[in-house]
PDB file of N, CA and C in Angstrom:
ATOM      1  N   MET A   1      -9.398   9.927 -15.748  1.00  0.00           N
ATOM      2  CA  MET A   1     -10.091   8.949 -14.744  1.00  0.00           C
ATOM      3  C   MET A   1     -10.122   7.373 -14.753  1.00  0.00           C
ATOM      4  N   THR A   2      -9.918   7.218 -16.153  1.00  0.00           N
ATOM      5  CA  THR A   2     -10.173   5.568 -16.474  1.00  0.00           C
ATOM      6  C   THR A   2      -8.800   5.044 -15.583  1.00  0.00           C
ATOM      7  N   HIS A   3      -7.514   5.690 -15.839  1.00  0.00           N
ATOM      8  CA  HIS A   3      -6.531   5.171 -14.932  1.00  0.00           C
ATOM      9  C   HIS A   3      -6.506   5.130 -13.546  1.00  0.00           C
ATOM     10  N   ILE A   4      -7.152   5.909 -13.094  1.00  0.00           N
ATOM     11  CA  ILE A   4      -7.737   6.075 -11.420  1.00  0.00           C
ATOM     12  C   ILE A   4      -8.273   4.689 -11.272  1.00  0.00           C
ATOM     13  N   LEU A   5      -9.257   4.690 -11.885  1.00  0.00           N
ATOM     14  CA  LEU A   5     -10.357   3.787 -11.720  1.00  0.00           C
ATOM     15  C   LEU A   5      -9.528   2.112 -11.712  1.00  0.00           C
ATOM     16  N   VAL A   6      -8.772   1.866 -12.918  1.00  0.00           N
ATOM     17  CA  VAL A   6      -8.125   0.640 -12.866  1.00  0.00           C
ATOM     18  C   VAL A   6      -7.197   0.390 -11.807  1.00  0.00           C
ATOM     19  N   SER A   7      -6.150   1.462 -11.673  1.00  0.00           N
ATOM     20  CA  SER A   7      -5.206   1.532 -10.442  1.00  0.00           C
ATOM     21  C   SER A   7      -6.069   0.969  -9.206  1.00  0.00           C
ATOM     22  N   TRP A   8      -7.225   1.714  -8.888  1.00  0.00           N
ATOM     23  CA  TRP A   8      -7.888   1.445  -7.896  1.00  0.00           C
ATOM     24  C   TRP A   8      -8.430  -0.146  -7.586  1.00  0.00           C
ATOM     25  N   ILE A   9      -8.932  -0.571  -8.946  1.00  0.00           N
ATOM     26  CA  ILE A   9      -9.187  -2.036  -8.924  1.00  0.00           C
ATOM     27  C   ILE A   9      -8.010  -3.002  -8.849  1.00  0.00           C
ATOM     28  N   VAL A  10      -7.053  -2.485  -9.269  1.00  0.00           N
ATOM     29  CA  VAL A  10      -5.726  -3.346  -9.207  1.00  0.00           C
ATOM     30  C   VAL A  10      -5.132  -3.592  -7.752  1.00  0.00           C
ATOM     31  N   THR A  11      -5.321  -2.386  -7.071  1.00  0.00           N
ATOM     32  CA  THR A  11      -4.838  -2.246  -5.767  1.00  0.00           C
ATOM     33  C   THR A  11      -5.666  -3.062  -4.936  1.00  0.00           C
ATOM     34  N   THR A  12      -7.189  -2.911  -5.110  1.00  0.00           N
ATOM     35  CA  THR A  12      -8.120  -3.795  -4.339  1.00  0.00           C
ATOM     36  C   THR A  12      -7.773  -5.111  -4.416  1.00  0.00           C
ATOM     37  N   LEU A  13      -7.497  -5.773  -5.682  1.00  0.00           N
ATOM     38  CA  LEU A  13      -7.157  -7.211  -5.973  1.00  0.00           C
ATOM     39  C   LEU A  13      -5.720  -7.600  -5.138  1.00  0.00           C
ATOM     40  N   ALA A  14      -4.717  -6.509  -5.308  1.00  0.00           N
ATOM     41  CA  ALA A  14      -3.739  -6.786  -4.710  1.00  0.00           C
ATOM     42  C   ALA A  14      -3.763  -7.113  -3.340  1.00  0.00           C
ATOM     43  N   ILE A  15      -4.615  -6.238  -2.504  1.00  0.00           N
ATOM     44  CA  ILE A  15      -4.733  -6.284  -1.197  1.00  0.00           C
ATOM     45  C   ILE A  15      -5.293  -7.445  -0.908  1.00  0.00           C
ATOM     46  N   LEU A  16      -6.308  -7.992  -1.514  1.00  0.00           N
ATOM     47  CA  LEU A  16      -6.955  -9.378  -1.283  1.00  0.00           C
ATOM     48  C   LEU A  16      -5.770 -10.447  -1.651  1.00  0.00           C
ATOM     49  N   VAL A  17      -4.991 -10.286  -2.479  1.00  0.00           N
ATOM     50  CA  VAL A  17      -3.915 -11.350  -2.415  1.00  0.00           C
ATOM     51  C   VAL A  17      -3.038 -11.278  -1.378  1.00  0.00           C
ATOM     52  N   VAL A  18      -2.629 -10.151  -0.907  1.00  0.00           N
ATOM     53  CA  VAL A  18      -1.959 -10.173   0.281  1.00  0.00           C
ATOM     54  C   VAL A  18      -2.319 -10.703   1.446  1.00  0.00           C
ATOM     55  N   THR A  19      -3.846 -10.495   1.558  1.00  0.00           N
ATOM     56  CA  THR A  19      -4.551 -11.177   2.837  1.00  0.00           C
ATOM     57  C   THR A  19      -4.256 -12.651   2.918  1.00  0.00           C
ATOM     58  N   HIS A  20      -4.021 -13.324   1.576  1.00  0.00           N
ATOM     59  CA  HIS A  20      -3.999 -14.672   1.529  1.00  0.00           C
ATOM     60  C   HIS A  20      -2.458 -15.066   1.899  1.00  0.00           C
ATOM     61  N   LEU A  21      -1.536 -14.257   1.407  1.00  0.00           N
ATOM     62  CA  LEU A  21      -0.115 -14.559   1.454  1.00  0.00           C
ATOM     63  C   LEU A  21       0.738 -14.224   2.742  1.00  0.00           C
ATOM     64  N   ILE A  22      -0.015 -13.068   3.273  1.00  0.00           N
ATOM     65  CA  ILE A  22       0.712 -12.888   4.737  1.00  0.00           C
ATOM     66  C   ILE A  22      -0.277 -12.836   5.677  1.00  0.00           C
ATOM     67  N   PRO A  23       0.107 -13.634   6.553  1.00  0.00           N
ATOM     68  CA  PRO A  23      -0.725 -14.096   7.854  1.00  0.00           C
ATOM     69  C   PRO A  23      -1.055 -12.824   8.673  1.00  0.00           C
ATOM     70  N   GLY A  24      -0.365 -11.761   8.574  1.00  0.00           N
ATOM     71  CA  GLY A  24      -0.400 -10.503   9.653  1.00  0.00           C
ATOM     72  C   GLY A  24      -1.485  -9.371   9.005  1.00  0.00           C
ATOM     73  N   VAL A  25      -1.925  -9.733   7.615  1.00  0.00           N
ATOM     74  CA  VAL A  25      -2.876  -8.838   7.212  1.00  0.00           C
ATOM     75  C   VAL A  25      -4.283  -9.136   6.984  1.00  0.00           C
ATOM     76  N   HIS A  26      -5.317  -8.621   7.627  1.00  0.00           N
ATOM     77  CA  HIS A  26      -6.684  -9.302   7.701  1.00  0.00           C
ATOM     78  C   HIS A  26      -7.346  -8.104   7.026  1.00  0.00           C
ATOM     79  N   VAL A  27      -8.368  -8.701   6.067  1.00  0.00           N
ATOM     80  CA  VAL A  27      -9.344  -7.854   5.510  1.00  0.00           C
ATOM     81  C   VAL A  27     -10.792  -8.400   5.611  1.00  0.00           C
ATOM     82  N   ARG A  28     -12.017  -8.001   6.160  1.00  0.00           N
ATOM     83  CA  ARG A  28     -13.186  -8.474   6.510  1.00  0.00           C
ATOM     84  C   ARG A  28     -13.713  -8.793   5.318  1.00  0.00           C
ATOM     85  N   SER A  29     -13.861  -8.066   4.218  1.00  0.00           N
ATOM     86  CA  SER A  29     -14.790  -8.339   3.173  1.00  0.00           C
ATOM     87  C   SER A  29     -14.211  -7.348   1.749  1.00  0.00           C
ATOM     88  N   LEU A  30     -14.716  -7.956   0.548  1.00  0.00           N
ATOM     89  CA  LEU A  30     -14.475  -7.224  -0.473  1.00  0.00           C
ATOM     90  C   LEU A  30     -14.853  -5.708  -0.426  1.00  0.00           C
ATOM     91  N   GLY A  31     -15.695  -5.257   0.047  1.00  0.00           N
ATOM     92  CA  GLY A  31     -16.153  -3.799   0.466  1.00  0.00           C
ATOM     93  C   GLY A  31     -14.933  -3.059   1.255  1.00  0.00           C
ATOM     94  N   THR A  32     -14.493  -3.787   2.285  1.00  0.00           N
ATOM     95  CA  THR A  32     -13.355  -3.215   2.997  1.00  0.00           C
ATOM     96  C   THR A  32     -12.155  -3.254   2.141  1.00  0.00           C
ATOM     97  N   ALA A  33     -12.041  -4.094   1.500  1.00  0.00           N
ATOM     98  CA  ALA A  33     -10.601  -3.975   0.455  1.00  0.00           C
ATOM     99  C   ALA A  33     -11.051  -2.937  -0.359  1.00  0.00           C
ATOM    100  N   ILE A  34     -11.878  -2.667  -0.889  1.00  0.00           N
ATOM    101  CA  ILE A  34     -12.231  -1.485  -1.957  1.00  0.00           C
ATOM    102  C   ILE A  34     -12.029  -0.185  -1.196  1.00  0.00           C
ATOM    103  N   VAL A  35     -12.421   0.013  -0.024  1.00  0.00           N
ATOM    104  CA  VAL A  35     -12.116   1.192   1.109  1.00  0.00           C
ATOM    105  C   VAL A  35     -10.815   1.391   1.340  1.00  0.00           C
ATOM    106  N   ALA A  36     -10.165   0.439   1.434  1.00  0.00           N
ATOM    107  CA  ALA A  36      -8.490   0.211   1.977  1.00  0.00           C
ATOM    108  C   ALA A  36      -7.834   0.512   0.684  1.00  0.00           C
ATOM    109  N   ALA A  37      -8.280  -0.085  -0.540  1.00  0.00           N
ATOM    110  CA  ALA A  37      -7.251   0.549  -1.461  1.00  0.00           C
ATOM    111  C   ALA A  37      -7.598   2.154  -2.024  1.00  0.00           C
ATOM    112  N   ALA A  38      -8.874   2.660  -1.737  1.00  0.00           N
ATOM    113  CA  ALA A  38      -9.083   4.031  -1.744  1.00  0.00           C
ATOM    114  C   ALA A  38      -8.411   4.826  -0.939  1.00  0.00           C
ATOM    115  N   ILE A  39      -8.378   4.447   0.381  1.00  0.00           N
ATOM    116  CA  ILE A  39      -7.467   5.044   1.405  1.00  0.00           C
ATOM    117  C   ILE A  39      -6.190   5.027   1.369  1.00  0.00           C
ATOM    118  N   LEU A  40      -5.644   3.841   0.864  1.00  0.00           N
ATOM    119  CA  LEU A  40      -3.949   3.924   0.506  1.00  0.00           C
ATOM    120  C   LEU A  40      -3.877   4.663  -0.498  1.00  0.00           C
ATOM    121  N   GLY A  41      -4.513   4.850  -1.593  1.00  0.00           N
ATOM    122  CA  GLY A  41      -4.345   5.696  -2.699  1.00  0.00           C
ATOM    123  C   GLY A  41      -4.242   7.254  -2.339  1.00  0.00           C
ATOM    124  N   ILE A  42      -5.119   7.426  -1.561  1.00  0.00           N
ATOM    125  CA  ILE A  42      -5.055   8.926  -1.071  1.00  0.00           C
ATOM    126  C   ILE A  42      -4.062   9.245  -0.200  1.00  0.00           C
ATOM    127  N   LEU A  43      -3.536   8.217   0.917  1.00  0.00           N
ATOM    128  CA  LEU A  43      -2.484   8.438   1.417  1.00  0.00           C
ATOM    129  C   LEU A  43      -1.091   8.567   0.630  1.00  0.00           C
ATOM    130  N   ASN A  44      -1.268   7.886  -0.388  1.00  0.00           N
ATOM    131  CA  ASN A  44       0.242   7.654  -1.214  1.00  0.00           C
ATOM    132  C   ASN A  44       0.002   8.970  -2.074  1.00  0.00           C
ATOM    133  N   ALA A  45      -1.269   9.693  -2.366  1.00  0.00           N
ATOM    134  CA  ALA A  45      -1.062  10.754  -3.016  1.00  0.00           C
ATOM    135  C   ALA A  45      -0.783  12.135  -2.241  1.00  0.00           C
ATOM    136  N   LEU A  46      -1.284  12.255  -0.947  1.00  0.00           N
ATOM    137  CA  LEU A  46      -1.163  13.315  -0.132  1.00  0.00           C
ATOM    138  C   LEU A  46      -0.034  13.061   1.076  1.00  0.00           C
ATOM    139  N   VAL A  47      -0.054  12.121   1.626  1.00  0.00           N
ATOM    140  CA  VAL A  47       1.044  12.054   2.705  1.00  0.00           C
ATOM    141  C   VAL A  47       2.436  11.577   2.338  1.00  0.00           C
ATOM    142  N   ARG A  48       2.323  10.733   1.636  1.00  0.00           N
ATOM    143  CA  ARG A  48       3.642   9.837   1.135  1.00  0.00           C
ATOM    144  C   ARG A  48       4.673  10.921   0.555  1.00  0.00           C
ATOM    145  N   PRO A  49       4.248  11.995  -0.386  1.00  0.00           N
ATOM    146  CA  PRO A  49       5.212  12.874  -0.784  1.00  0.00           C
ATOM    147  C   PRO A  49       5.795  13.711   0.376  1.00  0.00           C
ATOM    148  N   ILE A  50       5.051  14.241   1.432  1.00  0.00           N
ATOM    149  CA  ILE A  50       5.608  14.919   2.388  1.00  0.00           C
ATOM    150  C   ILE A  50       6.363  14.079   2.967  1.00  0.00           C
ATOM    151  N   LEU A  51       6.332  12.862   3.295  1.00  0.00           N
ATOM    152  CA  LEU A  51       7.329  12.166   4.042  1.00  0.00           C
ATOM    153  C   LEU A  51       8.382  11.926   3.375  1.00  0.00           C
ATOM    154  N   VAL A  52       8.476  11.909   2.101  1.00  0.00           N
ATOM    155  CA  VAL A  52       9.430  11.438   1.321  1.00  0.00           C
ATOM    156  C   VAL A  52      10.287  12.758   1.397  1.00  0.00           C
ATOM    157  N   ILE A  53       9.763  13.967   1.107  1.00  0.00           N
ATOM    158  CA  ILE A  53      10.811  15.132   1.490  1.00  0.00           C
ATOM    159  C   ILE A  53      11.307  15.286   2.841  1.00  0.00           C
ATOM    160  N   LEU A  54      10.756  15.023   3.771  1.00  0.00           N
ATOM    161  CA  LEU A  54      10.959  15.123   5.137  1.00  0.00           C
ATOM    162  C   LEU A  54      12.140  14.226   5.432  1.00  0.00           C
ATOM    163  N   THR A  55      12.096  13.118   4.773  1.00  0.00           N
ATOM    164  CA  THR A  55      13.112  12.056   5.240  1.00  0.00           C
ATOM    165  C   THR A  55      14.077  11.961   4.049  1.00  0.00           C
ATOM    166  N   LEU A  56      14.200  12.900   3.250  1.00  0.00           N
ATOM    167  CA  LEU A  56      15.161  12.834   2.036  1.00  0.00           C
ATOM    168  C   LEU A  56      16.350  12.333   2.569  1.00  0.00           C
ATOM    169  N   PRO A  57      17.150  13.156   3.581  1.00  0.00           N
ATOM    170  CA  PRO A  57      18.556  12.903   3.929  1.00  0.00           C
ATOM    171  C   PRO A  57      18.653  11.398   4.416  1.00  0.00           C
ATOM    172  N   LEU A  58      17.750  10.881   4.888  1.00  0.00           N
ATOM    173  CA  LEU A  58      17.632   9.658   5.345  1.00  0.00           C
ATOM    174  C   LEU A  58      17.434   8.567   4.216  1.00  0.00           C
ATOM    175  N   THR A  59      16.612   9.041   3.389  1.00  0.00           N
ATOM    176  CA  THR A  59      16.528   8.275   2.199  1.00  0.00           C
ATOM    177  C   THR A  59      18.004   8.168   1.445  1.00  0.00           C
ATOM    178  N   ILE A  60      18.411   9.252   1.253  1.00  0.00           N
ATOM    179  CA  ILE A  60      19.856   9.210   0.579  1.00  0.00           C
ATOM    180  C   ILE A  60      20.868   8.392   1.197  1.00  0.00           C
ATOM    181  N   LEU A  61      20.842   8.589   2.542  1.00  0.00           N
ATOM    182  CA  LEU A  61      21.819   7.700   3.168  1.00  0.00           C
ATOM    183  C   LEU A  61      21.741   6.334   3.329  1.00  0.00           C
ATOM    184  N   THR A  62      20.405   5.856   2.958  1.00  0.00           N
ATOM    185  CA  THR A  62      20.271   4.550   2.988  1.00  0.00           C
ATOM    186  C   THR A  62      19.951   4.136   1.460  1.00  0.00           C
ATOM    187  N   LEU A  63      20.467   4.861   0.660  1.00  0.00           N
ATOM    188  CA  LEU A  63      20.527   4.720  -0.872  1.00  0.00           C
ATOM    189  C   LEU A  63      18.824   4.028  -1.315  1.00  0.00           C
ATOM    190  N   GLY A  64      17.999   4.850  -0.859  1.00  0.00           N
ATOM    191  CA  GLY A  64      16.508   4.721  -1.250  1.00  0.00           C
ATOM    192  C   GLY A  64      15.878   3.636  -0.454  1.00  0.00           C
ATOM    193  N   LEU A  65      16.634   2.806   0.378  1.00  0.00           N
ATOM    194  CA  LEU A  65      15.807   1.710   1.061  1.00  0.00           C
ATOM    195  C   LEU A  65      14.859   2.272   2.047  1.00  0.00           C
ATOM    196  N   PHE A  66      14.993   3.441   2.598  1.00  0.00           N
ATOM    197  CA  PHE A  66      14.000   4.017   3.554  1.00  0.00           C
ATOM    198  C   PHE A  66      12.587   4.282   2.908  1.00  0.00           C
ATOM    199  N   LEU A  67      12.754   4.423   1.470  1.00  0.00           N
ATOM    200  CA  LEU A  67      11.095   4.357   0.914  1.00  0.00           C
ATOM    201  C   LEU A  67      10.428   3.094   1.066  1.00  0.00           C
ATOM    202  N   PHE A  68      11.077   1.997   1.404  1.00  0.00           N
ATOM    203  CA  PHE A  68      10.243   0.915   1.837  1.00  0.00           C
ATOM    204  C   PHE A  68       9.543   1.184   3.036  1.00  0.00           C
ATOM    205  N   VAL A  69      10.210   1.829   4.118  1.00  0.00           N
ATOM    206  CA  VAL A  69       9.633   2.214   5.191  1.00  0.00           C
ATOM    207  C   VAL A  69       8.413   3.047   5.242  1.00  0.00           C
ATOM    208  N   ILE A  70       8.716   3.952   4.407  1.00  0.00           N
ATOM    209  CA  ILE A  70       7.518   4.815   4.163  1.00  0.00           C
ATOM    210  C   ILE A  70       6.235   4.234   3.698  1.00  0.00           C
ATOM    211  N   ASN A  71       6.636   3.145   2.708  1.00  0.00           N
ATOM    212  CA  ASN A  71       5.462   2.491   1.984  1.00  0.00           C
ATOM    213  C   ASN A  71       4.761   1.658   3.131  1.00  0.00           C
ATOM    214  N   ALA A  72       5.651   1.138   4.051  1.00  0.00           N
ATOM    215  CA  ALA A  72       4.898   0.182   4.950  1.00  0.00           C
ATOM    216  C   ALA A  72       4.435   0.992   5.973  1.00  0.00           C
ATOM    217  N   LEU A  73       4.725   2.467   6.136  1.00  0.00           N
ATOM    218  CA  LEU A  73       4.004   3.039   7.275  1.00  0.00           C
ATOM    219  C   LEU A  73       2.726   3.263   6.276  1.00  0.00           C
ATOM    220  N   MET A  74       2.568   3.623   5.274  1.00  0.00           N
ATOM    221  CA  MET A  74       1.388   4.186   4.604  1.00  0.00           C
ATOM    222  C   MET A  74       0.467   3.003   4.674  1.00  0.00           C
ATOM    223  N   PHE A  75       1.007   1.870   4.570  1.00  0.00           N
ATOM    224  CA  PHE A  75      -0.202   0.452   4.300  1.00  0.00           C
ATOM    225  C   PHE A  75      -0.451   0.266   5.638  1.00  0.00           C
ATOM    226  N   GLN A  76       0.441   0.533   7.006  1.00  0.00           N
ATOM    227  CA  GLN A  76       0.016   0.324   8.460  1.00  0.00           C
ATOM    228  C   GLN A  76      -1.025   1.610   8.703  1.00  0.00           C
ATOM    229  N   LEU A  77      -0.742   2.567   8.238  1.00  0.00           N
ATOM    230  CA  LEU A  77      -1.878   3.964   8.389  1.00  0.00           C
ATOM    231  C   LEU A  77      -3.075   3.552   7.903  1.00  0.00           C
ATOM    232  N   ALA A  78      -3.092   2.975   6.777  1.00  0.00           N
ATOM    233  CA  ALA A  78      -4.484   2.588   5.781  1.00  0.00           C
ATOM    234  C   ALA A  78      -5.137   1.242   6.803  1.00  0.00           C
ATOM    235  N   GLY A  79      -4.318   0.592   7.395  1.00  0.00           N
ATOM    236  CA  GLY A  79      -4.920  -0.279   8.219  1.00  0.00           C
ATOM    237  C   GLY A  79      -5.446   0.052   9.423  1.00  0.00           C
ATOM    238  N   ALA A  80      -4.914   1.126   9.854  1.00  0.00           N
ATOM    239  CA  ALA A  80      -5.458   1.713  11.155  1.00  0.00           C
ATOM    240  C   ALA A  80      -6.806   2.814  10.814  1.00  0.00           C
ATOM    241  N   LEU A  81      -6.855   3.095   9.694  1.00  0.00           N
ATOM    242  CA  LEU A  81      -8.155   4.167   9.442  1.00  0.00           C
ATOM    243  C   LEU A  81      -9.120   3.307   8.950  1.00  0.00           C
ATOM    244  N   VAL A  82      -8.936   2.123   8.364  1.00  0.00           N
ATOM    245  CA  VAL A  82     -10.110   1.421   7.479  1.00  0.00           C
ATOM    246  C   VAL A  82     -10.532   0.408   8.727  1.00  0.00           C
ATOM    247  N   PRO A  83     -11.861   0.546   9.222  1.00  0.00           N
ATOM    248  CA  PRO A  83     -12.245  -0.708  10.136  1.00  0.00           C
ATOM    249  C   PRO A  83     -12.569  -1.807   9.194  1.00  0.00           C
ATOM    250  N   GLY A  84     -12.380  -3.057   9.666  1.00  0.00           N
ATOM    251  CA  GLY A  84     -12.222  -4.329   8.837  1.00  0.00           C
ATOM    252  C   GLY A  84     -10.861  -4.564   8.236  1.00  0.00           C
ATOM    253  N   PHE A  85     -10.005  -3.489   8.208  1.00  0.00           N
ATOM    254  CA  PHE A  85      -8.642  -3.756   7.498  1.00  0.00           C
ATOM    255  C   PHE A  85      -7.680  -3.552   8.724  1.00  0.00           C
ATOM    256  N   HIS A  86      -6.710  -4.719   8.902  1.00  0.00           N
ATOM    257  CA  HIS A  86      -6.079  -4.677   9.948  1.00  0.00           C
ATOM    258  C   HIS A  86      -4.582  -5.406   9.672  1.00  0.00           C
ATOM    259  N   VAL A  87      -3.640  -4.541  10.226  1.00  0.00           N
ATOM    260  CA  VAL A  87      -2.152  -5.082   9.913  1.00  0.00           C
ATOM    261  C   VAL A  87      -1.491  -5.286  11.222  1.00  0.00           C
ATOM    262  N   ASP A  88      -1.069  -6.348  11.439  1.00  0.00           N
ATOM    263  CA  ASP A  88      -0.582  -6.809  12.705  1.00  0.00           C
ATOM    264  C   ASP A  88       0.639  -6.256  13.092  1.00  0.00           C
ATOM    265  N   SER A  89       1.511  -6.158  12.197  1.00  0.00           N
ATOM    266  CA  SER A  89       2.726  -5.624  12.492  1.00  0.00           C
ATOM    267  C   SER A  89       3.504  -4.740  11.564  1.00  0.00           C
ATOM    268  N   PHE A  90       4.694  -4.106  11.717  1.00  0.00           N
ATOM    269  CA  PHE A  90       5.656  -3.342  10.848  1.00  0.00           C
ATOM    270  C   PHE A  90       5.798  -4.444   9.688  1.00  0.00           C
ATOM    271  N   TRP A  91       6.320  -5.413  10.315  1.00  0.00           N
ATOM    272  CA  TRP A  91       6.851  -6.588   9.282  1.00  0.00           C
ATOM    273  C   TRP A  91       5.744  -7.028   8.225  1.00  0.00           C
ATOM    274  N   SER A  92       4.562  -7.190   8.704  1.00  0.00           N
ATOM    275  CA  SER A  92       3.479  -7.501   7.826  1.00  0.00           C
ATOM    276  C   SER A  92       3.209  -6.449   6.990  1.00  0.00           C
ATOM    277  N   ALA A  93       3.097  -5.339   7.408  1.00  0.00           N
ATOM    278  CA  ALA A  93       3.141  -4.060   6.533  1.00  0.00           C
ATOM    279  C   ALA A  93       3.842  -3.925   5.479  1.00  0.00           C
ATOM    280  N   LEU A  94       5.322  -4.102   5.800  1.00  0.00           N
ATOM    281  CA  LEU A  94       6.450  -4.084   4.858  1.00  0.00           C
ATOM    282  C   LEU A  94       6.325  -5.101   3.832  1.00  0.00           C
ATOM    283  N   LEU A  95       6.089  -6.332   4.061  1.00  0.00           N
ATOM    284  CA  LEU A  95       5.840  -7.266   3.202  1.00  0.00           C
ATOM    285  C   LEU A  95       4.409  -7.086   2.269  1.00  0.00           C
ATOM    286  N   GLY A  96       3.285  -6.830   2.979  1.00  0.00           N
ATOM    287  CA  GLY A  96       2.244  -6.530   2.412  1.00  0.00           C
ATOM    288  C   GLY A  96       2.350  -5.285   1.404  1.00  0.00           C
ATOM    289  N   SER A  97       3.027  -4.336   1.619  1.00  0.00           N
ATOM    290  CA  SER A  97       3.261  -3.187   1.009  1.00  0.00           C
ATOM    291  C   SER A  97       4.244  -3.619  -0.243  1.00  0.00           C
ATOM    292  N   VAL A  98       4.995  -4.399  -0.259  1.00  0.00           N
ATOM    293  CA  VAL A  98       6.216  -4.801  -1.124  1.00  0.00           C
ATOM    294  C   VAL A  98       5.165  -5.612  -2.275  1.00  0.00           C
ATOM    295  N   ILE A  99       4.421  -6.518  -2.019  1.00  0.00           N
ATOM    296  CA  ILE A  99       3.606  -7.165  -2.622  1.00  0.00           C
ATOM    297  C   ILE A  99       2.627  -6.709  -3.323  1.00  0.00           C
ATOM    298  N   VAL A 100       1.705  -5.492  -2.822  1.00  0.00           N
ATOM    299  CA  VAL A 100       1.150  -4.628  -3.425  1.00  0.00           C
ATOM    300  C   VAL A 100       1.676  -3.806  -4.402  1.00  0.00           C
ATOM    301  N   SER A 101       2.855  -3.373  -4.150  1.00  0.00           N
ATOM    302  CA  SER A 101       3.619  -2.642  -4.938  1.00  0.00           C
ATOM    303  C   SER A 101       4.099  -3.440  -6.451  1.00  0.00           C
ATOM    304  N   ILE A 102       4.513  -4.776  -6.122  1.00  0.00           N
ATOM    305  CA  ILE A 102       4.806  -5.488  -7.130  1.00  0.00           C
ATOM    306  C   ILE A 102       3.660  -5.904  -8.061  1.00  0.00           C
ATOM    307  N   ILE A 103       2.388  -6.376  -7.628  1.00  0.00           N
ATOM    308  CA  ILE A 103       1.355  -6.696  -8.300  1.00  0.00           C
ATOM    309  C   ILE A 103       0.957  -5.303  -9.224  1.00  0.00           C
ATOM    310  N   SER A 104       0.663  -4.519  -8.276  1.00  0.00           N
ATOM    311  CA  SER A 104       0.206  -3.011  -9.291  1.00  0.00           C
ATOM    312  C   SER A 104       0.989  -2.976 -10.127  1.00  0.00           C
ATOM    313  N   TYR A 105       2.656  -2.770 -10.113  1.00  0.00           N
ATOM    314  CA  TYR A 105       3.463  -2.427 -11.052  1.00  0.00           C
ATOM    315  C   TYR A 105       3.470  -3.291 -12.262  1.00  0.00           C
ATOM    316  N   ILE A 106       3.420  -4.849 -11.861  1.00  0.00           N
ATOM    317  CA  ILE A 106       3.049  -5.683 -13.010  1.00  0.00           C
ATOM    318  C   ILE A 106       1.808  -5.476 -13.758  1.00  0.00           C
ATOM    319  N   VAL A 107       0.788  -5.853 -13.131  1.00  0.00           N
ATOM    320  CA  VAL A 107      -0.640  -5.368 -13.911  1.00  0.00           C
ATOM    321  C   VAL A 107      -0.676  -4.063 -14.632  1.00  0.00           C
ATOM    322  N   LEU A 108      -0.265  -2.740 -14.124  1.00  0.00           N
ATOM    323  CA  LEU A 108      -0.177  -1.634 -14.686  1.00  0.00           C
ATOM    324  C   LEU A 108       0.653  -1.457 -15.958  1.00  0.00           C
ATOM    325  N   SER A 109       1.736  -2.207 -15.774  1.00  0.00           N
ATOM    326  CA  SER A 109       2.570  -1.908 -16.789  1.00  0.00           C
ATOM    327  C   SER A 109       2.243  -2.860 -17.927  1.00  0.00           C
ATOM    328  N   LEU A 110       1.501  -3.961 -18.098  1.00  0.00           N
ATOM    329  CA  LEU A 110       0.880  -4.792 -19.053  1.00  0.00           C
ATOM    330  C   LEU A 110      -0.225  -3.742 -19.660  1.00  0.00           C
ATOM    331  N   ARG A 111      -0.785  -2.926 -19.170  1.00  0.00           N
ATOM    332  CA  ARG A 111      -1.837  -2.283 -19.575  1.00  0.00           C
ATOM    333  C   ARG A 111      -1.291  -1.273 -20.597  1.00  0.00           C
ATOM    334  N   ILE A 112      -2.036  -1.394 -21.818  1.00  0.00           N
ATOM    335  CA  ILE A 112      -1.419  -0.273 -22.853  1.00  0.00           C
ATOM    336  C   ILE A 112      -2.311   0.781 -23.160  1.00  0.00           C
TER     337      ILE A 112
END
């Protein structure tokens, strides 16, 4: 339970960082970022595995690079589902999802 809470907080902070780095990602408030992180976590837990399995041949063909597209789609879908969280384009979603992933990986790997 603690890992989920820490991951949620880290993702929330990463989304807030992304809004300052990527001009195409907009978050209305801290509360919106918290909800967006929760929705993103739920999408990554439920929808992403299905998409990974369905697109496995394409993922193998692109040597795993298609996983970036799936991550961007999850980020963009979260932007469509959460009022106050808006992603302008696929490229904004791609850069935003990469930055959120990098920040989350670094912070969560530092935690012992």
